[in-house]
Amino acid sequence: MLSSPLLSLGVALVAVTAAQAAPISVGELLSDPDRFRDQPVTVGGTMSNFREHVSRTGTRSYTFDFSDGTQTIHVVSYEKPQCQSGAATVEGTFEQLKWRSKVNYSYEEIKAWNVTCVRGDGPKTE
């Protein structure tokens, strides 16, 4: 029988391996949002509409649109990516907010912990 610390380590390794899986497309992510909700994801696509925000307390955040050419998702990062446009891979947590008034609404975004910019000379990591 496995001890609890050893079992915990095994579960953690499986989670890290899943987070490092091959990138999925934005379309795949958005086609089944319930499957990915609150899960770590690695998504490949193209950055556009890069914006920098500063809160009243001085906290900086960066947002951009991320597309696979067919669908687009909003990305929030608290670390400034090396690039502000072009091909990239985003690693982060997929979040989906749902609310209902007269109609059902949902809002999807990725809270990024790493953005890898793809340049002509190979990938560049933040």
N, C-alpha and C. Protein backbone atom coordinates (compact mmCIF):
# COMPACT_ATOMS: atom_id res chain seq x y z
N MET A 1 0.85 -1.18 0.00
CA MET A 1 0.00 0.00 0.00
C MET A 1 0.89 1.24 0.00
N LEU A 2 0.54 2.26 -0.79
CA LEU A 2 1.32 3.49 -0.88
C LEU A 2 1.03 4.38 0.31
N SER A 3 2.08 5.02 0.81
CA SER A 3 1.88 5.96 1.90
C SER A 3 1.24 7.23 1.35
N SER A 4 0.62 7.99 2.22
CA SER A 4 -0.09 9.21 1.80
C SER A 4 0.84 10.23 1.13
N PRO A 5 2.05 10.51 1.68
CA PRO A 5 2.93 11.47 0.99
C PRO A 5 3.34 10.99 -0.40
N LEU A 6 3.60 9.69 -0.54
CA LEU A 6 3.99 9.15 -1.84
C LEU A 6 2.83 9.23 -2.83
N LEU A 7 1.64 8.95 -2.37
CA LEU A 7 0.46 9.06 -3.21
C LEU A 7 0.23 10.51 -3.64
N SER A 8 0.41 11.46 -2.72
CA SER A 8 0.26 12.88 -3.03
C SER A 8 1.27 13.31 -4.09
N LEU A 9 2.50 12.81 -3.97
CA LEU A 9 3.53 13.14 -4.95
C LEU A 9 3.14 12.60 -6.32
N GLY A 10 2.59 11.40 -6.36
CA GLY A 10 2.15 10.82 -7.63
C GLY A 10 1.05 11.64 -8.27
N VAL A 11 0.09 12.08 -7.48
CA VAL A 11 -1.00 12.91 -7.99
C VAL A 11 -0.44 14.24 -8.52
N ALA A 12 0.50 14.83 -7.81
CA ALA A 12 1.10 16.09 -8.24
C ALA A 12 1.84 15.91 -9.56
N LEU A 13 2.56 14.81 -9.72
CA LEU A 13 3.29 14.56 -10.96
C LEU A 13 2.34 14.38 -12.14
N VAL A 14 1.23 13.71 -11.92
CA VAL A 14 0.23 13.55 -12.97
C VAL A 14 -0.33 14.91 -13.37
N ALA A 15 -0.59 15.79 -12.40
CA ALA A 15 -1.12 17.13 -12.69
C ALA A 15 -0.12 17.94 -13.49
N VAL A 16 1.17 17.87 -13.13
CA VAL A 16 2.21 18.61 -13.86
C VAL A 16 2.32 18.07 -15.28
N THR A 17 2.30 16.76 -15.44
CA THR A 17 2.38 16.16 -16.77
C THR A 17 1.20 16.59 -17.62
N ALA A 18 0.01 16.62 -17.06
CA ALA A 18 -1.18 17.05 -17.81
C ALA A 18 -1.05 18.50 -18.23
N ALA A 19 -0.49 19.34 -17.35
CA ALA A 19 -0.34 20.76 -17.68
C ALA A 19 0.69 20.97 -18.79
N GLN A 20 1.63 20.02 -18.94
CA GLN A 20 2.66 20.15 -19.95
C GLN A 20 2.30 19.42 -21.23
N ALA A 21 1.07 19.00 -21.37
CA ALA A 21 0.62 18.26 -22.55
C ALA A 21 0.73 19.16 -23.78
N ALA A 22 0.61 18.54 -24.94
CA ALA A 22 0.66 19.29 -26.19
C ALA A 22 -0.42 20.36 -26.20
N PRO A 23 -0.11 21.52 -26.77
CA PRO A 23 -1.11 22.60 -26.79
C PRO A 23 -2.37 22.20 -27.54
N ILE A 24 -3.51 22.68 -27.05
CA ILE A 24 -4.77 22.53 -27.74
C ILE A 24 -5.09 23.84 -28.44
N SER A 25 -6.06 23.83 -29.31
CA SER A 25 -6.47 25.05 -30.00
C SER A 25 -7.52 25.79 -29.18
N VAL A 26 -7.68 27.06 -29.47
CA VAL A 26 -8.73 27.85 -28.82
C VAL A 26 -10.09 27.25 -29.14
N GLY A 27 -10.28 26.81 -30.38
CA GLY A 27 -11.55 26.21 -30.79
C GLY A 27 -11.86 24.95 -29.99
N GLU A 28 -10.84 24.11 -29.76
CA GLU A 28 -11.05 22.90 -28.96
C GLU A 28 -11.43 23.26 -27.53
N LEU A 29 -10.76 24.26 -26.98
CA LEU A 29 -11.05 24.70 -25.62
C LEU A 29 -12.49 25.20 -25.50
N LEU A 30 -12.90 26.05 -26.43
CA LEU A 30 -14.23 26.65 -26.36
C LEU A 30 -15.35 25.71 -26.82
N SER A 31 -15.00 24.62 -27.51
CA SER A 31 -16.04 23.69 -27.95
C SER A 31 -16.56 22.84 -26.79
N ASP A 32 -15.77 22.73 -25.71
CA ASP A 32 -16.20 21.94 -24.55
C ASP A 32 -15.73 22.63 -23.26
N PRO A 33 -16.22 23.85 -23.00
CA PRO A 33 -15.72 24.62 -21.87
C PRO A 33 -15.94 23.96 -20.51
N ASP A 34 -17.02 23.19 -20.36
CA ASP A 34 -17.26 22.53 -19.07
C ASP A 34 -16.15 21.52 -18.75
N ARG A 35 -15.60 20.89 -19.76
CA ARG A 35 -14.52 19.91 -19.57
C ARG A 35 -13.26 20.57 -19.02
N PHE A 36 -12.98 21.81 -19.45
CA PHE A 36 -11.73 22.47 -19.10
C PHE A 36 -11.87 23.47 -17.95
N ARG A 37 -13.09 23.74 -17.47
CA ARG A 37 -13.31 24.76 -16.46
C ARG A 37 -12.44 24.52 -15.22
N ASP A 38 -11.73 25.57 -14.81
CA ASP A 38 -10.85 25.58 -13.63
C ASP A 38 -9.70 24.58 -13.74
N GLN A 39 -9.34 24.20 -14.96
CA GLN A 39 -8.25 23.25 -15.19
C GLN A 39 -7.05 23.96 -15.81
N PRO A 40 -5.84 23.44 -15.57
CA PRO A 40 -4.67 23.98 -16.27
C PRO A 40 -4.74 23.59 -17.75
N VAL A 41 -4.44 24.55 -18.62
CA VAL A 41 -4.46 24.30 -20.06
C VAL A 41 -3.21 24.89 -20.70
N THR A 42 -2.83 24.32 -21.83
CA THR A 42 -1.78 24.85 -22.68
C THR A 42 -2.41 25.04 -24.05
N VAL A 43 -2.43 26.29 -24.52
CA VAL A 43 -3.16 26.63 -25.74
C VAL A 43 -2.22 27.34 -26.71
N GLY A 44 -2.25 26.92 -27.96
CA GLY A 44 -1.45 27.57 -29.00
C GLY A 44 -2.32 28.50 -29.81
N GLY A 45 -1.74 29.62 -30.25
CA GLY A 45 -2.51 30.55 -31.06
C GLY A 45 -1.72 31.82 -31.36
N THR A 46 -2.44 32.89 -31.65
CA THR A 46 -1.85 34.17 -32.03
C THR A 46 -2.38 35.28 -31.13
N MET A 47 -1.46 36.07 -30.58
CA MET A 47 -1.81 37.20 -29.72
C MET A 47 -2.17 38.42 -30.55
N SER A 48 -3.16 39.19 -30.06
CA SER A 48 -3.48 40.49 -30.66
C SER A 48 -4.14 41.37 -29.60
N ASN A 49 -4.29 42.63 -29.89
CA ASN A 49 -4.95 43.60 -29.00
C ASN A 49 -4.35 43.59 -27.59
N PHE A 50 -3.03 43.62 -27.52
CA PHE A 50 -2.32 43.63 -26.23
C PHE A 50 -2.59 44.95 -25.51
N ARG A 51 -2.92 44.85 -24.20
CA ARG A 51 -3.19 46.05 -23.40
C ARG A 51 -2.55 45.90 -22.03
N GLU A 52 -2.07 47.01 -21.50
CA GLU A 52 -1.52 47.04 -20.14
C GLU A 52 -2.47 47.82 -19.26
N HIS A 53 -2.72 47.30 -18.05
CA HIS A 53 -3.63 47.93 -17.12
C HIS A 53 -2.89 48.17 -15.80
N VAL A 54 -3.22 49.27 -15.13
CA VAL A 54 -2.67 49.55 -13.81
C VAL A 54 -3.85 49.85 -12.89
N SER A 55 -3.95 49.08 -11.79
CA SER A 55 -5.05 49.28 -10.85
C SER A 55 -4.79 50.53 -10.01
N ARG A 56 -5.77 50.91 -9.22
CA ARG A 56 -5.60 52.07 -8.33
C ARG A 56 -4.50 51.85 -7.32
N THR A 57 -4.23 50.59 -7.00
CA THR A 57 -3.17 50.28 -6.03
C THR A 57 -1.81 50.11 -6.70
N GLY A 58 -1.76 50.25 -8.04
CA GLY A 58 -0.50 50.15 -8.76
C GLY A 58 -0.18 48.77 -9.29
N THR A 59 -1.08 47.83 -9.13
CA THR A 59 -0.84 46.48 -9.64
C THR A 59 -1.00 46.47 -11.16
N ARG A 60 -0.01 45.92 -11.84
CA ARG A 60 -0.05 45.84 -13.29
C ARG A 60 -0.61 44.50 -13.73
N SER A 61 -1.39 44.54 -14.80
CA SER A 61 -1.85 43.31 -15.45
C SER A 61 -1.84 43.57 -16.95
N TYR A 62 -1.83 42.49 -17.69
CA TYR A 62 -1.75 42.57 -19.14
C TYR A 62 -2.83 41.68 -19.71
N THR A 63 -3.55 42.18 -20.70
CA THR A 63 -4.60 41.39 -21.33
C THR A 63 -4.38 41.39 -22.83
N PHE A 64 -4.83 40.33 -23.46
CA PHE A 64 -4.77 40.26 -24.91
C PHE A 64 -5.77 39.23 -25.40
N ASP A 65 -6.08 39.34 -26.68
CA ASP A 65 -6.93 38.35 -27.33
C ASP A 65 -6.02 37.26 -27.87
N PHE A 66 -6.50 36.03 -27.84
CA PHE A 66 -5.71 34.89 -28.28
C PHE A 66 -6.58 34.06 -29.21
N SER A 67 -6.12 33.86 -30.44
CA SER A 67 -6.96 33.24 -31.46
C SER A 67 -6.25 32.10 -32.17
N ASP A 68 -7.05 31.15 -32.65
CA ASP A 68 -6.52 30.09 -33.51
C ASP A 68 -6.95 30.31 -34.95
N GLY A 69 -7.48 31.48 -35.26
CA GLY A 69 -7.93 31.79 -36.61
C GLY A 69 -9.43 31.58 -36.80
N THR A 70 -10.05 30.82 -35.89
CA THR A 70 -11.49 30.60 -35.98
C THR A 70 -12.22 31.15 -34.77
N GLN A 71 -11.60 31.01 -33.58
CA GLN A 71 -12.21 31.51 -32.35
C GLN A 71 -11.17 32.27 -31.53
N THR A 72 -11.66 33.13 -30.63
CA THR A 72 -10.79 33.98 -29.84
C THR A 72 -11.18 33.90 -28.37
N ILE A 73 -10.17 33.93 -27.50
CA ILE A 73 -10.40 33.95 -26.06
C ILE A 73 -9.59 35.08 -25.44
N HIS A 74 -10.08 35.61 -24.35
CA HIS A 74 -9.43 36.68 -23.59
C HIS A 74 -8.39 36.05 -22.65
N VAL A 75 -7.20 36.66 -22.56
CA VAL A 75 -6.15 36.17 -21.67
C VAL A 75 -5.73 37.29 -20.73
N VAL A 76 -5.54 36.96 -19.45
CA VAL A 76 -5.05 37.89 -18.44
C VAL A 76 -3.74 37.34 -17.90
N SER A 77 -2.71 38.20 -17.84
CA SER A 77 -1.42 37.80 -17.29
C SER A 77 -0.94 38.89 -16.32
N TYR A 78 -0.34 38.46 -15.22
CA TYR A 78 0.20 39.43 -14.26
C TYR A 78 1.70 39.60 -14.44
N GLU A 79 2.26 38.87 -15.39
CA GLU A 79 3.65 39.04 -15.80
C GLU A 79 3.61 39.54 -17.24
N LYS A 80 4.47 40.52 -17.56
CA LYS A 80 4.48 41.07 -18.91
C LYS A 80 5.13 40.07 -19.87
N PRO A 81 4.39 39.63 -20.90
CA PRO A 81 4.98 38.72 -21.88
C PRO A 81 6.11 39.38 -22.65
N GLN A 82 7.02 38.58 -23.18
CA GLN A 82 8.13 39.08 -23.98
C GLN A 82 7.66 39.70 -25.29
N CYS A 83 6.52 39.23 -25.79
CA CYS A 83 5.98 39.77 -27.03
C CYS A 83 4.59 40.34 -26.78
N GLN A 84 4.13 41.15 -27.72
CA GLN A 84 2.81 41.75 -27.60
C GLN A 84 1.90 41.38 -28.75
N SER A 85 2.41 40.59 -29.68
CA SER A 85 1.60 40.10 -30.80
C SER A 85 2.32 38.92 -31.43
N GLY A 86 1.58 38.19 -32.25
CA GLY A 86 2.17 37.08 -32.98
C GLY A 86 1.92 35.73 -32.33
N ALA A 87 2.57 34.71 -32.88
CA ALA A 87 2.39 33.33 -32.44
C ALA A 87 2.92 33.14 -31.03
N ALA A 88 2.17 32.36 -30.23
CA ALA A 88 2.58 32.12 -28.85
C ALA A 88 1.87 30.87 -28.32
N THR A 89 2.34 30.44 -27.17
CA THR A 89 1.68 29.38 -26.42
C THR A 89 1.39 29.94 -25.03
N VAL A 90 0.16 29.76 -24.57
CA VAL A 90 -0.25 30.26 -23.26
C VAL A 90 -0.50 29.07 -22.34
N GLU A 91 0.11 29.10 -21.16
CA GLU A 91 -0.17 28.12 -20.12
C GLU A 91 -0.88 28.86 -19.00
N GLY A 92 -1.99 28.32 -18.55
CA GLY A 92 -2.73 28.98 -17.49
C GLY A 92 -3.95 28.18 -17.08
N THR A 93 -4.83 28.83 -16.34
CA THR A 93 -6.05 28.21 -15.86
C THR A 93 -7.23 28.75 -16.66
N PHE A 94 -8.02 27.84 -17.21
CA PHE A 94 -9.21 28.24 -17.97
C PHE A 94 -10.33 28.53 -16.99
N GLU A 95 -10.92 29.71 -17.12
CA GLU A 95 -12.03 30.09 -16.25
C GLU A 95 -13.24 30.40 -17.09
N GLN A 96 -14.38 29.94 -16.63
CA GLN A 96 -15.65 30.21 -17.31
C GLN A 96 -16.63 30.72 -16.27
N LEU A 97 -17.11 31.92 -16.48
CA LEU A 97 -18.10 32.50 -15.58
C LEU A 97 -19.45 32.42 -16.28
N LYS A 98 -20.44 31.95 -15.56
CA LYS A 98 -21.79 31.87 -16.11
C LYS A 98 -22.74 32.64 -15.21
N TRP A 99 -23.66 33.35 -15.81
CA TRP A 99 -24.71 33.99 -15.04
C TRP A 99 -25.96 34.04 -15.89
N ARG A 100 -27.04 34.28 -15.20
CA ARG A 100 -28.33 34.26 -15.88
C ARG A 100 -29.14 35.48 -15.46
N SER A 101 -29.68 36.16 -16.42
CA SER A 101 -30.68 37.18 -16.15
C SER A 101 -31.88 36.75 -17.01
N LYS A 102 -32.20 37.50 -18.04
CA LYS A 102 -33.27 37.06 -18.93
C LYS A 102 -32.76 36.00 -19.91
N VAL A 103 -31.46 36.02 -20.13
CA VAL A 103 -30.81 35.03 -20.99
C VAL A 103 -29.57 34.51 -20.28
N ASN A 104 -29.07 33.37 -20.69
CA ASN A 104 -27.85 32.83 -20.10
C ASN A 104 -26.64 33.47 -20.77
N TYR A 105 -25.66 33.85 -19.96
CA TYR A 105 -24.42 34.42 -20.45
C TYR A 105 -23.26 33.61 -19.91
N SER A 106 -22.18 33.59 -20.66
CA SER A 106 -20.95 33.02 -20.13
C SER A 106 -19.79 33.84 -20.65
N TYR A 107 -18.73 33.86 -19.88
CA TYR A 107 -17.53 34.61 -20.22
C TYR A 107 -16.35 33.70 -19.95
N GLU A 108 -15.53 33.47 -20.95
CA GLU A 108 -14.38 32.59 -20.80
C GLU A 108 -13.09 33.39 -20.91
N GLU A 109 -12.10 32.99 -20.09
CA GLU A 109 -10.78 33.59 -20.20
C GLU A 109 -9.74 32.63 -19.63
N ILE A 110 -8.50 32.90 -19.95
CA ILE A 110 -7.38 32.13 -19.40
C ILE A 110 -6.59 33.06 -18.51
N LYS A 111 -6.36 32.65 -17.26
CA LYS A 111 -5.46 33.36 -16.35
C LYS A 111 -4.09 32.73 -16.57
N ALA A 112 -3.22 33.44 -17.27
CA ALA A 112 -1.94 32.88 -17.70
C ALA A 112 -0.89 32.97 -16.62
N TRP A 113 -0.11 31.90 -16.48
CA TRP A 113 1.06 31.95 -15.62
C TRP A 113 2.33 31.89 -16.46
N ASN A 114 2.20 31.58 -17.76
CA ASN A 114 3.36 31.58 -18.64
C ASN A 114 2.91 31.83 -20.08
N VAL A 115 3.60 32.72 -20.75
CA VAL A 115 3.36 32.98 -22.17
C VAL A 115 4.68 32.77 -22.89
N THR A 116 4.70 31.82 -23.82
CA THR A 116 5.90 31.54 -24.61
C THR A 116 5.69 32.12 -25.99
N CYS A 117 6.52 33.09 -26.34
CA CYS A 117 6.41 33.75 -27.64
C CYS A 117 7.20 32.94 -28.66
N VAL A 118 6.62 32.74 -29.83
CA VAL A 118 7.28 31.99 -30.89
C VAL A 118 7.81 32.99 -31.89
N ARG A 119 9.11 33.01 -32.01
CA ARG A 119 9.78 33.92 -32.94
C ARG A 119 10.31 33.11 -34.13
N GLY A 120 10.80 33.80 -35.13
CA GLY A 120 11.38 33.13 -36.29
C GLY A 120 12.56 32.25 -35.94
N ASP A 121 13.27 32.57 -34.84
CA ASP A 121 14.45 31.78 -34.47
C ASP A 121 14.11 30.76 -33.38
N GLY A 122 12.82 30.46 -33.19
CA GLY A 122 12.41 29.46 -32.19
C GLY A 122 11.66 30.10 -31.06
N PRO A 123 11.16 29.28 -30.13
CA PRO A 123 10.37 29.82 -29.02
C PRO A 123 11.19 30.63 -28.03
N LYS A 124 10.57 31.62 -27.45
CA LYS A 124 11.19 32.43 -26.42
C LYS A 124 10.26 32.43 -25.22
N THR A 125 10.77 32.11 -24.05
CA THR A 125 9.93 31.94 -22.86
C THR A 125 10.03 33.14 -21.95
N GLU A 126 8.90 33.52 -21.38
CA GLU A 126 8.86 34.60 -20.38
C GLU A 126 9.26 34.02 -19.05
